Amino acid sequence: MLILGHRGCAYYPENTMRAFEEALKIADGIELDVQKTEDGILVISHDENLKRLTGIDLNIRRTSFENIKRINIQGEKIPTLSEVLDFVKSKNKFVDIEVKNPEDFIDTYKMVKNFSLENYVISSFWHKGLYALKLQESAKIGLLYVHEPRPEELEKYFQIADFLKPNYNYVTDDYRNYFKVTIPWTVNDEEKAKYFKKRDTFAIITDFPDRILEGIKGGKEMVFNSPYLSYFLQMIDKDTVKKGNKLISFEAVNYIIPLHIEELSIEGGNIKINKEIPFVWNIGERVNFEIEAIEENPKIKIRVREVGEVIFTLKDIRNFLV
């Protein structure tokens, strides 16, 4: 079973070369998302609008690549599809390319063909466009879906597509004839990963390839300079930030997976949130943070069931907000 890093890995800004490079140190491949600029350049981004990741209200499809090149996500540039495919090919890894807009199928496949890739899949929720791409170009396609198909529907998917890409919550033993072509997403639970491995599933997509490999293969954990810090900082909504001499407040939005927050503490200051610990931080939910510095640079620790301890300082937050 292949382990594919979701948008690279959750420790670094999503869909950036840094995230892909770190993921491919340990994972078998990566999953990424494609958008197209106004002047026809395929770039890597899940969102069509860059506001969530950069704070800049900019639609990729309505701006030029020159403008995109000037923008960064926590110091990381937005890569082109060409750059990423070149890197993936050099590592001889698998790549799952999710096309977000049906207008981009042909150009995406042409890029794959230019690099003579064999270990790939072009996936999308736009099934009709994928069918057409396979008929016209014999491309390898993967059908994304978020429901539990009826048996006849599942068989139809199997007959048409090269890979099935369901949300993992909807995969049951009814897939017994299809596990070898199934790529569930997004699997961050080690026990669920073991379930898929035992059934000889083709691949799983995960935010945490190191932890999943540690759980199912006995692999080594990745070593990062500041584990999970980037993951947390990306949640901060910069439009809500209020700063004083010794006080900073902001809202943070969880946008990846539900998180079980088990502990929150601070050394050298005070911290308040509008939740009672412990709590489940659901996807899309906003949490208000208020941090007061008593010492020069307070250290904050959040213990999260899914990822362990996240440790950072007030200076880390201020540097991110610059």
C-alpha atoms as a PDB file:
ATOM      1  CA  MET A   1       0.000   0.000   0.000  1.00  0.00           C
ATOM      2  CA  LEU A   2       1.332   3.402  -1.001  1.00  0.00           C
ATOM      3  CA  ILE A   3       1.320   6.329   1.428  1.00  0.00           C
ATOM      4  CA  LEU A   4       0.564   9.653  -0.292  1.00  0.00           C
ATOM      5  CA  GLY A   5       1.121  12.984   1.448  1.00  0.00           C
ATOM      6  CA  HIS A   6      -1.992  15.178   1.319  1.00  0.00           C
ATOM      7  CA  ARG A   7      -0.951  18.493  -0.281  1.00  0.00           C
ATOM      8  CA  GLY A   8       2.546  17.424   0.742  1.00  0.00           C
ATOM      9  CA  CYS A   9       2.319  17.175   4.516  1.00  0.00           C
ATOM     10  CA  ALA A  10       0.633  19.179   7.248  1.00  0.00           C
ATOM     11  CA  TYR A  11       3.863  20.370   8.849  1.00  0.00           C
ATOM     12  CA  TYR A  12       4.632  22.953   6.180  1.00  0.00           C
ATOM     13  CA  PRO A  13       2.502  25.300   4.067  1.00  0.00           C
ATOM     14  CA  GLU A  14       0.234  23.153   1.950  1.00  0.00           C
ATOM     15  CA  ASN A  15       0.908  22.561  -1.742  1.00  0.00           C
ATOM     16  CA  THR A  16       4.366  24.159  -1.621  1.00  0.00           C
ATOM     17  CA  MET A  17       7.681  22.694  -2.711  1.00  0.00           C
ATOM     18  CA  ARG A  18       8.804  22.591   0.920  1.00  0.00           C
ATOM     19  CA  ALA A  19       5.804  20.449   1.862  1.00  0.00           C
ATOM     20  CA  PHE A  20       6.364  18.143  -1.122  1.00  0.00           C
ATOM     21  CA  GLU A  21      10.099  17.818  -0.513  1.00  0.00           C
ATOM     22  CA  GLU A  22       9.611  16.910   3.137  1.00  0.00           C
ATOM     23  CA  ALA A  23       6.788  14.476   2.368  1.00  0.00           C
ATOM     24  CA  LEU A  24       8.788  12.628  -0.274  1.00  0.00           C
ATOM     25  CA  LYS A  25      11.621  12.012   2.162  1.00  0.00           C
ATOM     26  CA  ILE A  26       9.392   9.326   3.605  1.00  0.00           C
ATOM     27  CA  ALA A  27       6.134   8.944   1.627  1.00  0.00           C
ATOM     28  CA  ASP A  28       5.590   6.961  -1.575  1.00  0.00           C
ATOM     29  CA  GLY A  29       4.032   9.926  -3.328  1.00  0.00           C
ATOM     30  CA  ILE A  30       2.027  13.107  -2.966  1.00  0.00           C
ATOM     31  CA  GLU A  31      -1.443  14.445  -3.658  1.00  0.00           C
ATOM     32  CA  LEU A  32      -1.820  17.992  -4.952  1.00  0.00           C
ATOM     33  CA  ASP A  33      -4.365  20.403  -6.442  1.00  0.00           C
ATOM     34  CA  VAL A  34      -4.224  22.316  -9.726  1.00  0.00           C
ATOM     35  CA  GLN A  35      -5.547  25.751 -10.664  1.00  0.00           C
ATOM     36  CA  LYS A  36      -4.868  27.840 -13.785  1.00  0.00           C
ATOM     37  CA  THR A  37      -3.864  31.498 -13.935  1.00  0.00           C
ATOM     38  CA  GLU A  38      -5.504  34.011 -16.242  1.00  0.00           C
ATOM     39  CA  ASP A  39      -2.631  33.608 -18.712  1.00  0.00           C
ATOM     40  CA  GLY A  40      -2.840  29.818 -18.745  1.00  0.00           C
ATOM     41  CA  ILE A  41      -0.134  28.686 -16.297  1.00  0.00           C
ATOM     42  CA  LEU A  42      -1.012  25.653 -14.175  1.00  0.00           C
ATOM     43  CA  VAL A  43      -0.126  26.293 -10.538  1.00  0.00           C
ATOM     44  CA  ILE A  44      -0.550  24.279  -7.359  1.00  0.00           C
ATOM     45  CA  SER A  45      -3.327  25.467  -5.062  1.00  0.00           C
ATOM     46  CA  HIS A  46      -6.373  23.881  -3.471  1.00  0.00           C
ATOM     47  CA  ASP A  47      -8.330  27.135  -3.347  1.00  0.00           C
ATOM     48  CA  GLU A  48      -9.136  29.283  -6.346  1.00  0.00           C
ATOM     49  CA  ASN A  49      -8.901  32.314  -4.051  1.00  0.00           C
ATOM     50  CA  LEU A  50      -5.714  32.837  -2.011  1.00  0.00           C
ATOM     51  CA  LYS A  51      -7.314  34.602   0.956  1.00  0.00           C
ATOM     52  CA  ARG A  52      -7.348  31.595   3.306  1.00  0.00           C
ATOM     53  CA  LEU A  53      -3.627  30.949   2.999  1.00  0.00           C
ATOM     54  CA  THR A  54      -2.197  34.405   2.365  1.00  0.00           C
ATOM     55  CA  GLY A  55      -4.753  36.910   3.634  1.00  0.00           C
ATOM     56  CA  ILE A  56      -4.836  38.372   0.103  1.00  0.00           C
ATOM     57  CA  ASP A  57      -8.230  38.357  -1.615  1.00  0.00           C
ATOM     58  CA  LEU A  58      -6.971  37.253  -5.027  1.00  0.00           C
ATOM     59  CA  ASN A  59      -8.575  34.840  -7.491  1.00  0.00           C
ATOM     60  CA  ILE A  60      -5.910  32.770  -9.255  1.00  0.00           C
ATOM     61  CA  ARG A  61      -7.971  32.392 -12.420  1.00  0.00           C
ATOM     62  CA  ARG A  62      -8.339  36.162 -12.724  1.00  0.00           C
ATOM     63  CA  THR A  63      -4.721  37.151 -12.308  1.00  0.00           C
ATOM     64  CA  SER A  64      -1.454  36.603 -14.144  1.00  0.00           C
ATOM     65  CA  PHE A  65       1.324  34.236 -13.215  1.00  0.00           C
ATOM     66  CA  GLU A  66       3.590  37.260 -12.717  1.00  0.00           C
ATOM     67  CA  ASN A  67       1.319  38.358  -9.868  1.00  0.00           C
ATOM     68  CA  ILE A  68       1.225  34.845  -8.416  1.00  0.00           C
ATOM     69  CA  LYS A  69       5.037  34.740  -8.358  1.00  0.00           C
ATOM     70  CA  ARG A  70       5.097  37.765  -6.041  1.00  0.00           C
ATOM     71  CA  ILE A  71       2.973  36.027  -3.414  1.00  0.00           C
ATOM     72  CA  ASN A  72       4.252  33.642  -0.765  1.00  0.00           C
ATOM     73  CA  ILE A  73       2.717  31.397   1.874  1.00  0.00           C
ATOM     74  CA  GLN A  74       4.800  31.781   5.023  1.00  0.00           C
ATOM     75  CA  GLY A  75       7.888  32.372   2.933  1.00  0.00           C
ATOM     76  CA  GLU A  76       7.135  29.623   0.404  1.00  0.00           C
ATOM     77  CA  LYS A  77       6.321  30.337  -3.232  1.00  0.00           C
ATOM     78  CA  ILE A  78       3.316  28.907  -5.059  1.00  0.00           C
ATOM     79  CA  PRO A  79       4.848  26.321  -7.420  1.00  0.00           C
ATOM     80  CA  THR A  80       3.842  25.503 -10.960  1.00  0.00           C
ATOM     81  CA  LEU A  81       2.642  22.049 -11.937  1.00  0.00           C
ATOM     82  CA  SER A  82       5.688  21.767 -14.183  1.00  0.00           C
ATOM     83  CA  GLU A  83       8.072  22.349 -11.264  1.00  0.00           C
ATOM     84  CA  VAL A  84       6.379  19.758  -9.087  1.00  0.00           C
ATOM     85  CA  LEU A  85       6.140  17.083 -11.782  1.00  0.00           C
ATOM     86  CA  ASP A  86       9.806  17.550 -12.594  1.00  0.00           C
ATOM     87  CA  PHE A  87      10.644  17.032  -8.916  1.00  0.00           C
ATOM     88  CA  VAL A  88       8.352  14.006  -8.526  1.00  0.00           C
ATOM     89  CA  LYS A  89       9.810  12.357 -11.608  1.00  0.00           C
ATOM     90  CA  SER A  90      13.351  12.886 -10.322  1.00  0.00           C
ATOM     91  CA  LYS A  91      12.358  10.987  -7.164  1.00  0.00           C
ATOM     92  CA  ASN A  92      10.483   8.266  -9.084  1.00  0.00           C
ATOM     93  CA  LYS A  93       7.411   8.745  -6.877  1.00  0.00           C
ATOM     94  CA  PHE A  94       3.645   8.559  -7.409  1.00  0.00           C
ATOM     95  CA  VAL A  95       1.622  11.746  -7.914  1.00  0.00           C
ATOM     96  CA  ASP A  96      -2.128  12.241  -7.546  1.00  0.00           C
ATOM     97  CA  ILE A  97      -3.177  15.413  -9.385  1.00  0.00           C
ATOM     98  CA  GLU A  98      -6.591  16.743  -8.435  1.00  0.00           C
ATOM     99  CA  VAL A  99      -8.068  19.026 -11.087  1.00  0.00           C
ATOM    100  CA  LYS A 100     -10.328  21.613  -9.463  1.00  0.00           C
ATOM    101  CA  ASN A 101     -11.816  23.095 -12.653  1.00  0.00           C
ATOM    102  CA  PRO A 102     -13.035  20.934 -15.577  1.00  0.00           C
ATOM    103  CA  GLU A 103     -11.564  23.405 -18.072  1.00  0.00           C
ATOM    104  CA  ASP A 104      -8.083  22.281 -17.019  1.00  0.00           C
ATOM    105  CA  PHE A 105      -8.219  18.545 -17.785  1.00  0.00           C
ATOM    106  CA  ILE A 106      -6.542  18.640 -21.198  1.00  0.00           C
ATOM    107  CA  ASP A 107      -3.756  21.034 -20.208  1.00  0.00           C
ATOM    108  CA  THR A 108      -3.055  19.006 -17.082  1.00  0.00           C
ATOM    109  CA  TYR A 109      -2.801  15.777 -19.046  1.00  0.00           C
ATOM    110  CA  LYS A 110      -0.549  17.421 -21.646  1.00  0.00           C
ATOM    111  CA  MET A 111       1.808  18.384 -18.836  1.00  0.00           C
ATOM    112  CA  VAL A 112       1.803  14.815 -17.502  1.00  0.00           C
ATOM    113  CA  LYS A 113       2.493  13.541 -21.005  1.00  0.00           C
ATOM    114  CA  ASN A 114       5.350  16.028 -21.490  1.00  0.00           C
ATOM    115  CA  PHE A 115       7.113  14.476 -18.502  1.00  0.00           C
ATOM    116  CA  SER A 116       6.342  10.922 -19.676  1.00  0.00           C
ATOM    117  CA  LEU A 117       4.961  10.078 -16.246  1.00  0.00           C
ATOM    118  CA  GLU A 118       3.743   6.564 -15.571  1.00  0.00           C
ATOM    119  CA  ASN A 119       3.091   6.684 -11.818  1.00  0.00           C
ATOM    120  CA  TYR A 120       0.233   9.148 -11.716  1.00  0.00           C
ATOM    121  CA  VAL A 121      -3.512   9.637 -11.573  1.00  0.00           C
ATOM    122  CA  ILE A 122      -5.586  12.656 -12.593  1.00  0.00           C
ATOM    123  CA  SER A 123      -8.507  12.878 -10.195  1.00  0.00           C
ATOM    124  CA  SER A 124     -11.540  15.099  -9.803  1.00  0.00           C
ATOM    125  CA  PHE A 125     -15.125  15.397  -8.625  1.00  0.00           C
ATOM    126  CA  TRP A 126     -15.970  16.333 -12.243  1.00  0.00           C
ATOM    127  CA  HIS A 127     -16.643  12.787 -13.429  1.00  0.00           C
ATOM    128  CA  LYS A 128     -17.944  13.609 -16.909  1.00  0.00           C
ATOM    129  CA  GLY A 129     -14.794  15.541 -17.707  1.00  0.00           C
ATOM    130  CA  LEU A 130     -12.666  12.663 -16.452  1.00  0.00           C
ATOM    131  CA  TYR A 131     -14.588  10.166 -18.597  1.00  0.00           C
ATOM    132  CA  ALA A 132     -13.996  12.336 -21.657  1.00  0.00           C
ATOM    133  CA  LEU A 133     -10.297  12.659 -20.832  1.00  0.00           C
ATOM    134  CA  LYS A 134      -9.908   8.900 -20.584  1.00  0.00           C
ATOM    135  CA  LEU A 135     -11.760   8.291 -23.851  1.00  0.00           C
ATOM    136  CA  GLN A 136      -9.831  10.968 -25.752  1.00  0.00           C
ATOM    137  CA  GLU A 137      -6.365  10.583 -24.266  1.00  0.00           C
ATOM    138  CA  SER A 138      -6.323   7.219 -22.426  1.00  0.00           C
ATOM    139  CA  ALA A 139      -5.319   9.112 -19.285  1.00  0.00           C
ATOM    140  CA  LYS A 140      -5.260   7.389 -15.895  1.00  0.00           C
ATOM    141  CA  ILE A 141      -8.204   8.808 -13.953  1.00  0.00           C
ATOM    142  CA  GLY A 142      -9.484   8.664 -10.383  1.00  0.00           C
ATOM    143  CA  LEU A 143     -13.074   9.412  -9.388  1.00  0.00           C
ATOM    144  CA  LEU A 144     -13.450  11.534  -6.251  1.00  0.00           C
ATOM    145  CA  TYR A 145     -16.686  11.186  -4.291  1.00  0.00           C
ATOM    146  CA  VAL A 146     -18.115  11.733  -0.813  1.00  0.00           C
ATOM    147  CA  HIS A 147     -20.902   9.174  -0.463  1.00  0.00           C
ATOM    148  CA  GLU A 148     -21.449   5.441  -0.190  1.00  0.00           C
ATOM    149  CA  PRO A 149     -22.212   4.220  -3.725  1.00  0.00           C
ATOM    150  CA  ARG A 150     -24.826   1.585  -4.377  1.00  0.00           C
ATOM    151  CA  PRO A 151     -23.257  -1.753  -5.475  1.00  0.00           C
ATOM    152  CA  GLU A 152     -24.171  -1.185  -9.123  1.00  0.00           C
ATOM    153  CA  GLU A 153     -22.813   2.369  -8.974  1.00  0.00           C
ATOM    154  CA  LEU A 154     -19.537   1.168  -7.467  1.00  0.00           C
ATOM    155  CA  GLU A 155     -19.180  -1.433 -10.202  1.00  0.00           C
ATOM    156  CA  LYS A 156     -19.799   1.254 -12.830  1.00  0.00           C
ATOM    157  CA  TYR A 157     -17.069   3.415 -11.314  1.00  0.00           C
ATOM    158  CA  PHE A 158     -14.726   0.431 -11.371  1.00  0.00           C
ATOM    159  CA  GLN A 159     -15.433  -0.313 -15.031  1.00  0.00           C
ATOM    160  CA  ILE A 160     -14.785   3.269 -16.121  1.00  0.00           C
ATOM    161  CA  ALA A 161     -11.987   4.566 -13.901  1.00  0.00           C
ATOM    162  CA  ASP A 162      -8.460   3.440 -13.111  1.00  0.00           C
ATOM    163  CA  PHE A 163      -8.818   4.410  -9.451  1.00  0.00           C
ATOM    164  CA  LEU A 164     -11.630   4.993  -6.961  1.00  0.00           C
ATOM    165  CA  LYS A 165     -11.097   7.909  -4.562  1.00  0.00           C
ATOM    166  CA  PRO A 166     -13.764   7.909  -1.845  1.00  0.00           C
ATOM    167  CA  ASN A 167     -13.693   9.750   1.446  1.00  0.00           C
ATOM    168  CA  TYR A 168     -12.400   7.054   3.793  1.00  0.00           C
ATOM    169  CA  ASN A 169     -15.510   7.248   6.007  1.00  0.00           C
ATOM    170  CA  TYR A 170     -17.550   5.643   3.225  1.00  0.00           C
ATOM    171  CA  VAL A 171     -15.250   2.689   2.562  1.00  0.00           C
ATOM    172  CA  THR A 172     -16.533  -0.634   3.908  1.00  0.00           C
ATOM    173  CA  ASP A 173     -15.883  -4.294   3.221  1.00  0.00           C
ATOM    174  CA  ASP A 174     -18.192  -3.878   0.219  1.00  0.00           C
ATOM    175  CA  TYR A 175     -14.992  -2.716  -1.500  1.00  0.00           C
ATOM    176  CA  ARG A 176     -13.527  -6.230  -1.242  1.00  0.00           C
ATOM    177  CA  ASN A 177     -13.317  -6.451  -5.046  1.00  0.00           C
ATOM    178  CA  TYR A 178     -12.040  -2.895  -5.434  1.00  0.00           C
ATOM    179  CA  PHE A 179      -9.453  -2.251  -2.706  1.00  0.00           C
ATOM    180  CA  LYS A 180      -6.589  -2.770  -5.163  1.00  0.00           C
ATOM    181  CA  VAL A 181      -7.692   0.308  -7.126  1.00  0.00           C
ATOM    182  CA  THR A 182      -8.919   2.408  -4.185  1.00  0.00           C
ATOM    183  CA  ILE A 183      -7.224   5.541  -2.784  1.00  0.00           C
ATOM    184  CA  PRO A 184      -9.167   6.678   0.322  1.00  0.00           C
ATOM    185  CA  TRP A 185      -8.727  10.200   1.703  1.00  0.00           C
ATOM    186  CA  THR A 186      -7.839  11.663   4.174  1.00  0.00           C
ATOM    187  CA  VAL A 187      -6.653   8.879   6.506  1.00  0.00           C
ATOM    188  CA  ASN A 188      -5.043  10.273   9.665  1.00  0.00           C
ATOM    189  CA  ASP A 189      -5.994   7.446  12.015  1.00  0.00           C
ATOM    190  CA  GLU A 190      -3.409   4.682  12.405  1.00  0.00           C
ATOM    191  CA  GLU A 191      -5.981   1.955  13.076  1.00  0.00           C
ATOM    192  CA  LYS A 192      -7.902   2.891   9.945  1.00  0.00           C
ATOM    193  CA  ALA A 193      -4.643   2.870   7.995  1.00  0.00           C
ATOM    194  CA  LYS A 194      -3.963  -0.665   9.262  1.00  0.00           C
ATOM    195  CA  TYR A 195      -7.463  -1.665   8.132  1.00  0.00           C
ATOM    196  CA  PHE A 196      -6.691  -0.494   4.600  1.00  0.00           C
ATOM    197  CA  LYS A 197      -3.257  -2.106   4.562  1.00  0.00           C
ATOM    198  CA  LYS A 198      -4.679  -5.494   5.564  1.00  0.00           C
ATOM    199  CA  ARG A 199      -7.069  -5.286   2.620  1.00  0.00           C
ATOM    200  CA  ASP A 200      -4.267  -4.592   0.149  1.00  0.00           C
ATOM    201  CA  THR A 201      -5.577  -1.120  -0.680  1.00  0.00           C
ATOM    202  CA  PHE A 202      -3.659   0.561  -3.509  1.00  0.00           C
ATOM    203  CA  ALA A 203      -2.874   3.741  -1.529  1.00  0.00           C
ATOM    204  CA  ILE A 204      -4.106   6.070   1.189  1.00  0.00           C
ATOM    205  CA  ILE A 205      -3.826   9.853   1.370  1.00  0.00           C
ATOM    206  CA  THR A 206      -2.817  11.349   4.723  1.00  0.00           C
ATOM    207  CA  ASP A 207      -1.818  14.679   6.243  1.00  0.00           C
ATOM    208  CA  PHE A 208       0.776  12.895   8.395  1.00  0.00           C
ATOM    209  CA  PRO A 209       2.752  10.340   6.348  1.00  0.00           C
ATOM    210  CA  ASP A 210       5.389   9.984   9.072  1.00  0.00           C
ATOM    211  CA  ARG A 211       2.930   9.045  11.814  1.00  0.00           C
ATOM    212  CA  ILE A 212       0.950   6.713   9.571  1.00  0.00           C
ATOM    213  CA  LEU A 213       4.123   4.942   8.444  1.00  0.00           C
ATOM    214  CA  GLU A 214       5.293   4.696  12.033  1.00  0.00           C
ATOM    215  CA  GLY A 215       2.002   3.041  12.914  1.00  0.00           C
ATOM    216  CA  ILE A 216       1.745   0.547  10.062  1.00  0.00           C
ATOM    217  CA  LYS A 217       5.297  -0.030   8.835  1.00  0.00           C
ATOM    218  CA  GLY A 218       7.520   0.814  11.759  1.00  0.00           C
ATOM    219  CA  GLY A 219       9.020   3.695   9.795  1.00  0.00           C
ATOM    220  CA  LYS A 220      10.937   6.551  11.359  1.00  0.00           C
ATOM    221  CA  GLU A 221       9.277   9.817  12.256  1.00  0.00           C
ATOM    222  CA  MET A 222      10.283  12.868  10.286  1.00  0.00           C
ATOM    223  CA  VAL A 223      12.385  15.423  12.120  1.00  0.00           C
ATOM    224  CA  PHE A 224      11.311  19.049  11.783  1.00  0.00           C
ATOM    225  CA  ASN A 225      12.818  22.225  13.142  1.00  0.00           C
ATOM    226  CA  SER A 226       9.483  23.246  14.644  1.00  0.00           C
ATOM    227  CA  PRO A 227       6.952  20.381  14.546  1.00  0.00           C
ATOM    228  CA  TYR A 228       3.372  21.368  13.703  1.00  0.00           C
ATOM    229  CA  LEU A 229       4.072  25.094  14.113  1.00  0.00           C
ATOM    230  CA  SER A 230       3.339  25.871  10.472  1.00  0.00           C
ATOM    231  CA  TYR A 231       0.187  23.761  10.679  1.00  0.00           C
ATOM    232  CA  PHE A 232      -1.154  25.925  13.517  1.00  0.00           C
ATOM    233  CA  LEU A 233      -0.033  29.295  12.156  1.00  0.00           C
ATOM    234  CA  GLN A 234      -1.894  28.739   8.887  1.00  0.00           C
ATOM    235  CA  MET A 235      -5.114  28.630  10.895  1.00  0.00           C
ATOM    236  CA  ILE A 236      -4.791  32.255  12.039  1.00  0.00           C
ATOM    237  CA  ASP A 237      -7.220  34.607  10.306  1.00  0.00           C
ATOM    238  CA  LYS A 238      -5.054  37.689   9.823  1.00  0.00           C
ATOM    239  CA  ASP A 239      -8.109  39.921   9.365  1.00  0.00           C
ATOM    240  CA  THR A 240      -9.080  39.311  13.006  1.00  0.00           C
ATOM    241  CA  VAL A 241      -5.711  40.116  14.598  1.00  0.00           C
ATOM    242  CA  LYS A 242      -5.545  42.863  17.229  1.00  0.00           C
ATOM    243  CA  LYS A 243      -2.141  43.766  18.646  1.00  0.00           C
ATOM    244  CA  GLY A 244      -1.077  45.808  21.648  1.00  0.00           C
ATOM    245  CA  ASN A 245       2.182  46.273  23.516  1.00  0.00           C
ATOM    246  CA  LYS A 246       1.794  43.094  25.576  1.00  0.00           C
ATOM    247  CA  LEU A 247      -1.463  41.708  24.230  1.00  0.00           C
ATOM    248  CA  ILE A 248      -2.451  39.979  21.007  1.00  0.00           C
ATOM    249  CA  SER A 249      -5.783  38.445  20.031  1.00  0.00           C
ATOM    250  CA  PHE A 250      -6.992  36.639  16.925  1.00  0.00           C
ATOM    251  CA  GLU A 251      -9.370  34.028  15.566  1.00  0.00           C
ATOM    252  CA  ALA A 252      -8.032  30.723  14.256  1.00  0.00           C
ATOM    253  CA  VAL A 253      -9.949  28.520  11.822  1.00  0.00           C
ATOM    254  CA  ASN A 254      -9.466  24.764  11.597  1.00  0.00           C
ATOM    255  CA  TYR A 255      -9.620  23.806   7.917  1.00  0.00           C
ATOM    256  CA  ILE A 256      -8.023  20.343   7.657  1.00  0.00           C
ATOM    257  CA  ILE A 257      -9.238  17.694  10.138  1.00  0.00           C
ATOM    258  CA  PRO A 258     -11.216  17.604  13.418  1.00  0.00           C
ATOM    259  CA  LEU A 259      -8.750  18.095  16.284  1.00  0.00           C
ATOM    260  CA  HIS A 260      -9.152  16.971  19.900  1.00  0.00           C
ATOM    261  CA  ILE A 261      -7.617  19.743  22.016  1.00  0.00           C
ATOM    262  CA  GLU A 262      -6.649  18.136  25.317  1.00  0.00           C
ATOM    263  CA  GLU A 263      -4.459  20.758  26.972  1.00  0.00           C
ATOM    264  CA  LEU A 264      -3.536  24.432  26.579  1.00  0.00           C
ATOM    265  CA  SER A 265      -0.887  26.135  28.711  1.00  0.00           C
ATOM    266  CA  ILE A 266       1.521  29.073  28.664  1.00  0.00           C
ATOM    267  CA  GLU A 267       4.804  29.941  30.384  1.00  0.00           C
ATOM    268  CA  GLY A 268       5.478  33.624  30.991  1.00  0.00           C
ATOM    269  CA  GLY A 269       2.022  34.931  30.248  1.00  0.00           C
ATOM    270  CA  ASN A 270      -1.723  34.384  30.221  1.00  0.00           C
ATOM    271  CA  ILE A 271      -3.841  32.786  27.519  1.00  0.00           C
ATOM    272  CA  LYS A 272      -7.616  32.674  27.093  1.00  0.00           C
ATOM    273  CA  ILE A 273      -9.837  30.994  24.512  1.00  0.00           C
ATOM    274  CA  ASN A 274     -13.610  30.903  24.101  1.00  0.00           C
ATOM    275  CA  LYS A 275     -13.700  27.131  24.636  1.00  0.00           C
ATOM    276  CA  GLU A 276     -13.545  24.882  27.659  1.00  0.00           C
ATOM    277  CA  ILE A 277     -10.663  22.403  27.569  1.00  0.00           C
ATOM    278  CA  PRO A 278     -10.879  19.620  26.446  1.00  0.00           C
ATOM    279  CA  PHE A 279     -12.899  20.143  23.270  1.00  0.00           C
ATOM    280  CA  VAL A 280     -13.171  18.993  19.670  1.00  0.00           C
ATOM    281  CA  TRP A 281     -12.120  21.660  17.189  1.00  0.00           C
ATOM    282  CA  ASN A 282     -14.255  20.888  14.156  1.00  0.00           C
ATOM    283  CA  ILE A 283     -13.462  21.774  10.554  1.00  0.00           C
ATOM    284  CA  GLY A 284     -14.525  25.340   9.756  1.00  0.00           C
ATOM    285  CA  GLU A 285     -14.923  26.259  13.431  1.00  0.00           C
ATOM    286  CA  ARG A 286     -13.398  29.497  14.734  1.00  0.00           C
ATOM    287  CA  VAL A 287     -11.667  29.726  18.107  1.00  0.00           C
ATOM    288  CA  ASN A 288     -10.795  33.073  19.726  1.00  0.00           C
ATOM    289  CA  PHE A 289      -7.317  33.375  21.266  1.00  0.00           C
ATOM    290  CA  GLU A 290      -6.141  36.145  23.608  1.00  0.00           C
ATOM    291  CA  ILE A 291      -2.502  36.073  24.708  1.00  0.00           C
ATOM    292  CA  GLU A 292      -0.972  38.414  27.295  1.00  0.00           C
ATOM    293  CA  ALA A 293       2.800  38.619  27.711  1.00  0.00           C
ATOM    294  CA  ILE A 294       4.150  38.886  31.262  1.00  0.00           C
ATOM    295  CA  GLU A 295       7.673  37.845  30.344  1.00  0.00           C
ATOM    296  CA  GLU A 296       9.393  38.918  27.120  1.00  0.00           C
ATOM    297  CA  ASN A 297       8.514  35.910  24.947  1.00  0.00           C
ATOM    298  CA  PRO A 298       5.908  33.544  26.437  1.00  0.00           C
ATOM    299  CA  LYS A 299       5.958  29.892  25.354  1.00  0.00           C
ATOM    300  CA  ILE A 300       2.629  28.291  24.470  1.00  0.00           C
ATOM    301  CA  LYS A 301       1.890  24.572  24.436  1.00  0.00           C
ATOM    302  CA  ILE A 302      -1.166  22.923  22.905  1.00  0.00           C
ATOM    303  CA  ARG A 303      -1.601  19.170  23.267  1.00  0.00           C
ATOM    304  CA  VAL A 304      -3.602  17.698  20.392  1.00  0.00           C
ATOM    305  CA  ARG A 305      -4.625  14.042  20.342  1.00  0.00           C
ATOM    306  CA  GLU A 306      -4.039  13.695  16.602  1.00  0.00           C
ATOM    307  CA  VAL A 307      -0.543  15.218  16.434  1.00  0.00           C
ATOM    308  CA  GLY A 308       0.869  15.442  19.947  1.00  0.00           C
ATOM    309  CA  GLU A 309       2.285  18.654  21.396  1.00  0.00           C
ATOM    310  CA  VAL A 310       2.438  21.901  19.436  1.00  0.00           C
ATOM    311  CA  ILE A 311       4.935  24.282  21.070  1.00  0.00           C
ATOM    312  CA  PHE A 312       5.568  27.837  19.912  1.00  0.00           C
ATOM    313  CA  THR A 313       6.242  31.319  21.250  1.00  0.00           C
ATOM    314  CA  LEU A 314       4.538  34.670  20.998  1.00  0.00           C
ATOM    315  CA  LYS A 315       7.456  35.754  18.825  1.00  0.00           C
ATOM    316  CA  ASP A 316       6.627  32.956  16.356  1.00  0.00           C
ATOM    317  CA  ILE A 317       3.112  34.360  16.015  1.00  0.00           C
ATOM    318  CA  ARG A 318       4.312  37.950  15.619  1.00  0.00           C
ATOM    319  CA  ASN A 319       6.854  36.923  12.961  1.00  0.00           C
ATOM    320  CA  PHE A 320       4.140  35.088  11.035  1.00  0.00           C
ATOM    321  CA  LEU A 321       1.897  38.159  11.102  1.00  0.00           C
ATOM    322  CA  VAL A 322       4.542  40.542   9.742  1.00  0.00           C
END
